[in-house]
Amino acid sequence: MDKDSDGSVTTSSVRWLDDDGRARALARMLAGMEDSMLGMAHATELLEKAQATKDAGFKKPRKRAAKK
């Protein structure tokens, strides 16, 4: 998501991100700053683990019925 302001009007837009863009956006959210090496490393690790989980066919556990 991009956000821009001219002082009186603020506009926002959404765009698709490639893998690097996803990692940079996540790193910015995690670290709270642009171009944090530690934030980028953490973001890359999280995205890799998420992809590995997805590739392994992980499914959410079913909710069990409440016991009476």
PDB file of N, CA and C in Angstrom:
ATOM      1  N   MET A   1       0.841  -1.159   0.000  1.00  0.00           N
ATOM      2  CA  MET A   1       0.000   0.000   0.000  1.00  0.00           C
ATOM      3  C   MET A   1       0.897   1.236   0.000  1.00  0.00           C
ATOM      4  N   ASP A   2       0.569   2.160  -0.832  1.00  0.00           N
ATOM      5  CA  ASP A   2       1.299   3.424  -0.893  1.00  0.00           C
ATOM      6  C   ASP A   2       0.374   4.548  -0.440  1.00  0.00           C
ATOM      7  N   LYS A   3       0.947   5.527   0.224  1.00  0.00           N
ATOM      8  CA  LYS A   3       0.182   6.660   0.722  1.00  0.00           C
ATOM      9  C   LYS A   3       0.926   7.931   0.349  1.00  0.00           C
ATOM     10  N   ASP A   4       0.188   8.937  -0.133  1.00  0.00           N
ATOM     11  CA  ASP A   4       0.808  10.193  -0.555  1.00  0.00           C
ATOM     12  C   ASP A   4      -0.090  11.352  -0.131  1.00  0.00           C
ATOM     13  N   SER A   5       0.520  12.468   0.189  1.00  0.00           N
ATOM     14  CA  SER A   5      -0.242  13.638   0.593  1.00  0.00           C
ATOM     15  C   SER A   5       0.381  14.893   0.001  1.00  0.00           C
ATOM     16  N   ASP A   6      -0.473  15.821  -0.448  1.00  0.00           N
ATOM     17  CA  ASP A   6       0.023  17.098  -0.958  1.00  0.00           C
ATOM     18  C   ASP A   6      -0.179  18.207   0.070  1.00  0.00           C
ATOM     19  N   GLY A   7      -0.556  17.830   1.287  1.00  0.00           N
ATOM     20  CA  GLY A   7      -0.780  18.809   2.349  1.00  0.00           C
ATOM     21  C   GLY A   7      -2.256  18.993   2.652  1.00  0.00           C
ATOM     22  N   SER A   8      -3.097  18.848   1.635  1.00  0.00           N
ATOM     23  CA  SER A   8      -4.531  18.995   1.882  1.00  0.00           C
ATOM     24  C   SER A   8      -5.307  17.728   1.522  1.00  0.00           C
ATOM     25  N   VAL A   9      -4.768  16.926   0.610  1.00  0.00           N
ATOM     26  CA  VAL A   9      -5.438  15.696   0.195  1.00  0.00           C
ATOM     27  C   VAL A   9      -4.466  14.526   0.338  1.00  0.00           C
ATOM     28  N   THR A  10      -4.947  13.470   0.959  1.00  0.00           N
ATOM     29  CA  THR A  10      -4.143  12.256   1.093  1.00  0.00           C
ATOM     30  C   THR A  10      -4.772  11.169   0.234  1.00  0.00           C
ATOM     31  N   THR A  11      -3.958  10.520  -0.567  1.00  0.00           N
ATOM     32  CA  THR A  11      -4.437   9.422  -1.407  1.00  0.00           C
ATOM     33  C   THR A  11      -3.663   8.161  -1.046  1.00  0.00           C
ATOM     34  N   SER A  12      -4.296   7.040  -1.257  1.00  0.00           N
ATOM     35  CA  SER A  12      -3.617   5.766  -1.034  1.00  0.00           C
ATOM     36  C   SER A  12      -3.917   4.843  -2.207  1.00  0.00           C
ATOM     37  N   SER A  13      -3.007   3.907  -2.441  1.00  0.00           N
ATOM     38  CA  SER A  13      -3.189   2.953  -3.528  1.00  0.00           C
ATOM     39  C   SER A  13      -2.607   1.611  -3.097  1.00  0.00           C
ATOM     40  N   VAL A  14      -3.045   0.579  -3.760  1.00  0.00           N
ATOM     41  CA  VAL A  14      -2.596  -0.776  -3.471  1.00  0.00           C
ATOM     42  C   VAL A  14      -1.955  -1.323  -4.727  1.00  0.00           C
ATOM     43  N   ARG A  15      -0.858  -2.061  -4.566  1.00  0.00           N
ATOM     44  CA  ARG A  15      -0.208  -2.665  -5.726  1.00  0.00           C
ATOM     45  C   ARG A  15       0.340  -4.028  -5.347  1.00  0.00           C
ATOM     46  N   TRP A  16       0.486  -4.915  -6.329  1.00  0.00           N
ATOM     47  CA  TRP A  16       1.067  -6.233  -6.118  1.00  0.00           C
ATOM     48  C   TRP A  16       2.558  -6.086  -5.877  1.00  0.00           C
ATOM     49  N   LEU A  17       3.090  -6.917  -4.983  1.00  0.00           N
ATOM     50  CA  LEU A  17       4.516  -6.887  -4.671  1.00  0.00           C
ATOM     51  C   LEU A  17       5.171  -8.197  -5.083  1.00  0.00           C
ATOM     52  N   ASP A  18       6.404  -8.110  -5.575  1.00  0.00           N
ATOM     53  CA  ASP A  18       7.182  -9.320  -5.826  1.00  0.00           C
ATOM     54  C   ASP A  18       7.750  -9.785  -4.483  1.00  0.00           C
ATOM     55  N   ASP A  19       8.503 -10.884  -4.492  1.00  0.00           N
ATOM     56  CA  ASP A  19       9.032 -11.429  -3.236  1.00  0.00           C
ATOM     57  C   ASP A  19       9.884 -10.420  -2.473  1.00  0.00           C
ATOM     58  N   ASP A  20      10.727  -9.691  -3.188  1.00  0.00           N
ATOM     59  CA  ASP A  20      11.579  -8.696  -2.530  1.00  0.00           C
ATOM     60  C   ASP A  20      10.733  -7.567  -1.946  1.00  0.00           C
ATOM     61  N   GLY A  21       9.734  -7.146  -2.684  1.00  0.00           N
ATOM     62  CA  GLY A  21       8.846  -6.091  -2.203  1.00  0.00           C
ATOM     63  C   GLY A  21       8.068  -6.505  -0.971  1.00  0.00           C
ATOM     64  N   ARG A  22       7.634  -7.772  -0.942  1.00  0.00           N
ATOM     65  CA  ARG A  22       6.931  -8.297   0.231  1.00  0.00           C
ATOM     66  C   ARG A  22       7.848  -8.278   1.447  1.00  0.00           C
ATOM     67  N   ALA A  23       9.085  -8.722   1.254  1.00  0.00           N
ATOM     68  CA  ALA A  23      10.042  -8.747   2.362  1.00  0.00           C
ATOM     69  C   ALA A  23      10.328  -7.332   2.854  1.00  0.00           C
ATOM     70  N   ARG A  24      10.492  -6.396   1.948  1.00  0.00           N
ATOM     71  CA  ARG A  24      10.768  -5.003   2.350  1.00  0.00           C
ATOM     72  C   ARG A  24       9.586  -4.392   3.104  1.00  0.00           C
ATOM     73  N   ALA A  25       8.367  -4.650   2.630  1.00  0.00           N
ATOM     74  CA  ALA A  25       7.175  -4.109   3.298  1.00  0.00           C
ATOM     75  C   ALA A  25       7.031  -4.709   4.697  1.00  0.00           C
ATOM     76  N   LEU A  26       7.235  -6.006   4.815  1.00  0.00           N
ATOM     77  CA  LEU A  26       7.149  -6.656   6.115  1.00  0.00           C
ATOM     78  C   LEU A  26       8.253  -6.159   7.047  1.00  0.00           C
ATOM     79  N   ALA A  27       9.460  -5.996   6.517  1.00  0.00           N
ATOM     80  CA  ALA A  27      10.579  -5.489   7.315  1.00  0.00           C
ATOM     81  C   ALA A  27      10.282  -4.084   7.837  1.00  0.00           C
ATOM     82  N   ARG A  28       9.674  -3.267   7.006  1.00  0.00           N
ATOM     83  CA  ARG A  28       9.328  -1.900   7.413  1.00  0.00           C
ATOM     84  C   ARG A  28       8.306  -1.938   8.557  1.00  0.00           C
ATOM     85  N   MET A  29       7.345  -2.875   8.489  1.00  0.00           N
ATOM     86  CA  MET A  29       6.350  -3.001   9.558  1.00  0.00           C
ATOM     87  C   MET A  29       6.978  -3.536  10.846  1.00  0.00           C
ATOM     88  N   LEU A  30       7.886  -4.499  10.712  1.00  0.00           N
ATOM     89  CA  LEU A  30       8.522  -5.100  11.890  1.00  0.00           C
ATOM     90  C   LEU A  30       9.485  -4.143  12.577  1.00  0.00           C
ATOM     91  N   ALA A  31      10.312  -3.465  11.801  1.00  0.00           N
ATOM     92  CA  ALA A  31      11.356  -2.615  12.363  1.00  0.00           C
ATOM     93  C   ALA A  31      10.904  -1.178  12.593  1.00  0.00           C
ATOM     94  N   GLY A  32       9.863  -0.763  11.898  1.00  0.00           N
ATOM     95  CA  GLY A  32       9.378   0.605  12.036  1.00  0.00           C
ATOM     96  C   GLY A  32      10.256   1.632  11.355  1.00  0.00           C
ATOM     97  N   MET A  33      11.104   1.173  10.441  1.00  0.00           N
ATOM     98  CA  MET A  33      11.979   2.092   9.705  1.00  0.00           C
ATOM     99  C   MET A  33      12.342   1.481   8.354  1.00  0.00           C
ATOM    100  N   GLU A  34      12.782   2.319   7.457  1.00  0.00           N
ATOM    101  CA  GLU A  34      13.208   1.871   6.126  1.00  0.00           C
ATOM    102  C   GLU A  34      14.587   1.230   6.201  1.00  0.00           C
ATOM    103  N   ASP A  35      14.815   0.243   5.389  1.00  0.00           N
ATOM    104  CA  ASP A  35      16.135  -0.364   5.167  1.00  0.00           C
ATOM    105  C   ASP A  35      16.846  -0.852   6.424  1.00  0.00           C
ATOM    106  N   SER A  36      16.119  -1.492   7.323  1.00  0.00           N
ATOM    107  CA  SER A  36      16.739  -2.095   8.495  1.00  0.00           C
ATOM    108  C   SER A  36      17.236  -3.488   8.106  1.00  0.00           C
ATOM    109  N   MET A  37      18.522  -3.737   8.260  1.00  0.00           N
ATOM    110  CA  MET A  37      19.081  -5.039   7.896  1.00  0.00           C
ATOM    111  C   MET A  37      18.489  -6.140   8.781  1.00  0.00           C
ATOM    112  N   LEU A  38      18.330  -5.864  10.058  1.00  0.00           N
ATOM    113  CA  LEU A  38      17.769  -6.846  10.971  1.00  0.00           C
ATOM    114  C   LEU A  38      16.294  -7.108  10.642  1.00  0.00           C
ATOM    115  N   GLY A  39      15.554  -6.042  10.371  1.00  0.00           N
ATOM    116  CA  GLY A  39      14.147  -6.190   9.986  1.00  0.00           C
ATOM    117  C   GLY A  39      14.006  -6.999   8.705  1.00  0.00           C
ATOM    118  N   MET A  40      14.894  -6.760   7.744  1.00  0.00           N
ATOM    119  CA  MET A  40      14.853  -7.494   6.480  1.00  0.00           C
ATOM    120  C   MET A  40      15.170  -8.974   6.706  1.00  0.00           C
ATOM    121  N   ALA A  41      16.148  -9.266   7.563  1.00  0.00           N
ATOM    122  CA  ALA A  41      16.494 -10.659   7.853  1.00  0.00           C
ATOM    123  C   ALA A  41      15.317 -11.376   8.517  1.00  0.00           C
ATOM    124  N   HIS A  42      14.673 -10.707   9.456  1.00  0.00           N
ATOM    125  CA  HIS A  42      13.541 -11.299  10.152  1.00  0.00           C
ATOM    126  C   HIS A  42      12.371 -11.503   9.187  1.00  0.00           C
ATOM    127  N   ALA A  43      12.095 -10.520   8.359  1.00  0.00           N
ATOM    128  CA  ALA A  43      11.000 -10.624   7.388  1.00  0.00           C
ATOM    129  C   ALA A  43      11.242 -11.778   6.419  1.00  0.00           C
ATOM    130  N   THR A  44      12.460 -11.903   5.932  1.00  0.00           N
ATOM    131  CA  THR A  44      12.799 -12.982   5.000  1.00  0.00           C
ATOM    132  C   THR A  44      12.601 -14.332   5.670  1.00  0.00           C
ATOM    133  N   GLU A  45      13.042 -14.454   6.927  1.00  0.00           N
ATOM    134  CA  GLU A  45      12.880 -15.704   7.661  1.00  0.00           C
ATOM    135  C   GLU A  45      11.398 -16.048   7.827  1.00  0.00           C
ATOM    136  N   LEU A  46      10.588 -15.064   8.209  1.00  0.00           N
ATOM    137  CA  LEU A  46       9.158 -15.306   8.390  1.00  0.00           C
ATOM    138  C   LEU A  46       8.492 -15.740   7.086  1.00  0.00           C
ATOM    139  N   LEU A  47       8.824 -15.076   5.989  1.00  0.00           N
ATOM    140  CA  LEU A  47       8.222 -15.425   4.700  1.00  0.00           C
ATOM    141  C   LEU A  47       8.657 -16.819   4.241  1.00  0.00           C
ATOM    142  N   GLU A  48       9.916 -17.169   4.479  1.00  0.00           N
ATOM    143  CA  GLU A  48      10.396 -18.509   4.112  1.00  0.00           C
ATOM    144  C   GLU A  48       9.697 -19.587   4.927  1.00  0.00           C
ATOM    145  N   LYS A  49       9.523 -19.356   6.230  1.00  0.00           N
ATOM    146  CA  LYS A  49       8.839 -20.325   7.079  1.00  0.00           C
ATOM    147  C   LYS A  49       7.376 -20.450   6.696  1.00  0.00           C
ATOM    148  N   ALA A  50       6.746 -19.351   6.366  1.00  0.00           N
ATOM    149  CA  ALA A  50       5.346 -19.390   5.939  1.00  0.00           C
ATOM    150  C   ALA A  50       5.204 -20.187   4.651  1.00  0.00           C
ATOM    151  N   GLN A  51       6.128 -19.987   3.710  1.00  0.00           N
ATOM    152  CA  GLN A  51       6.076 -20.725   2.447  1.00  0.00           C
ATOM    153  C   GLN A  51       6.327 -22.208   2.675  1.00  0.00           C
ATOM    154  N   ALA A  52       7.265 -22.554   3.554  1.00  0.00           N
ATOM    155  CA  ALA A  52       7.548 -23.958   3.848  1.00  0.00           C
ATOM    156  C   ALA A  52       6.330 -24.633   4.475  1.00  0.00           C
ATOM    157  N   THR A  53       5.647 -23.926   5.357  1.00  0.00           N
ATOM    158  CA  THR A  53       4.441 -24.462   5.981  1.00  0.00           C
ATOM    159  C   THR A  53       3.361 -24.679   4.933  1.00  0.00           C
ATOM    160  N   LYS A  54       3.215 -23.722   4.044  1.00  0.00           N
ATOM    161  CA  LYS A  54       2.224 -23.827   2.971  1.00  0.00           C
ATOM    162  C   LYS A  54       2.562 -24.991   2.046  1.00  0.00           C
ATOM    163  N   ASP A  55       3.841 -25.124   1.686  1.00  0.00           N
ATOM    164  CA  ASP A  55       4.284 -26.202   0.798  1.00  0.00           C
ATOM    165  C   ASP A  55       4.072 -27.577   1.420  1.00  0.00           C
ATOM    166  N   ALA A  56       4.155 -27.648   2.754  1.00  0.00           N
ATOM    167  CA  ALA A  56       3.990 -28.926   3.451  1.00  0.00           C
ATOM    168  C   ALA A  56       2.515 -29.323   3.556  1.00  0.00           C
ATOM    169  N   GLY A  57       1.628 -28.449   3.115  1.00  0.00           N
ATOM    170  CA  GLY A  57       0.203 -28.769   3.131  1.00  0.00           C
ATOM    171  C   GLY A  57      -0.446 -28.608   4.489  1.00  0.00           C
ATOM    172  N   PHE A  58       0.090 -27.714   5.302  1.00  0.00           N
ATOM    173  CA  PHE A  58      -0.460 -27.476   6.630  1.00  0.00           C
ATOM    174  C   PHE A  58      -1.903 -26.998   6.507  1.00  0.00           C
ATOM    175  N   LYS A  59      -2.752 -27.586   7.314  1.00  0.00           N
ATOM    176  CA  LYS A  59      -4.151 -27.160   7.370  1.00  0.00           C
ATOM    177  C   LYS A  59      -4.477 -26.772   8.800  1.00  0.00           C
ATOM    178  N   LYS A  60      -5.323 -25.779   8.938  1.00  0.00           N
ATOM    179  CA  LYS A  60      -5.742 -25.355  10.269  1.00  0.00           C
ATOM    180  C   LYS A  60      -6.492 -26.495  10.941  1.00  0.00           C
ATOM    181  N   PRO A  61      -6.260 -26.696  12.238  1.00  0.00           N
ATOM    182  CA  PRO A  61      -7.009 -27.743  12.936  1.00  0.00           C
ATOM    183  C   PRO A  61      -8.493 -27.385  13.004  1.00  0.00           C
ATOM    184  N   ARG A  62      -9.324 -28.406  12.958  1.00  0.00           N
ATOM    185  CA  ARG A  62     -10.754 -28.180  13.064  1.00  0.00           C
ATOM    186  C   ARG A  62     -11.118 -27.790  14.492  1.00  0.00           C
ATOM    187  N   LYS A  63     -12.112 -26.974  14.606  1.00  0.00           N
ATOM    188  CA  LYS A  63     -12.591 -26.605  15.940  1.00  0.00           C
ATOM    189  C   LYS A  63     -13.373 -27.779  16.506  1.00  0.00           C
ATOM    190  N   ARG A  64     -13.108 -28.093  17.750  1.00  0.00           N
ATOM    191  CA  ARG A  64     -13.826 -29.172  18.410  1.00  0.00           C
ATOM    192  C   ARG A  64     -15.121 -28.633  19.011  1.00  0.00           C
ATOM    193  N   ALA A  65     -16.106 -29.484  19.052  1.00  0.00           N
ATOM    194  CA  ALA A  65     -17.375 -29.095  19.670  1.00  0.00           C
ATOM    195  C   ALA A  65     -17.151 -28.903  21.158  1.00  0.00           C
ATOM    196  N   ALA A  66     -17.808 -27.954  21.709  1.00  0.00           N
ATOM    197  CA  ALA A  66     -17.691 -27.673  23.149  1.00  0.00           C
ATOM    198  C   ALA A  66     -18.264 -28.828  23.945  1.00  0.00           C
ATOM    199  N   LYS A  67     -17.575 -29.190  25.023  1.00  0.00           N
ATOM    200  CA  LYS A  67     -18.054 -30.265  25.904  1.00  0.00           C
ATOM    201  C   LYS A  67     -19.171 -29.725  26.781  1.00  0.00           C
ATOM    202  N   LYS A  68     -20.133 -30.587  27.015  1.00  0.00           N
ATOM    203  CA  LYS A  68     -21.269 -30.183  27.862  1.00  0.00           C
ATOM    204  C   LYS A  68     -21.078 -30.670  29.261  1.00  0.00           C
TER     205      LYS A  68
END
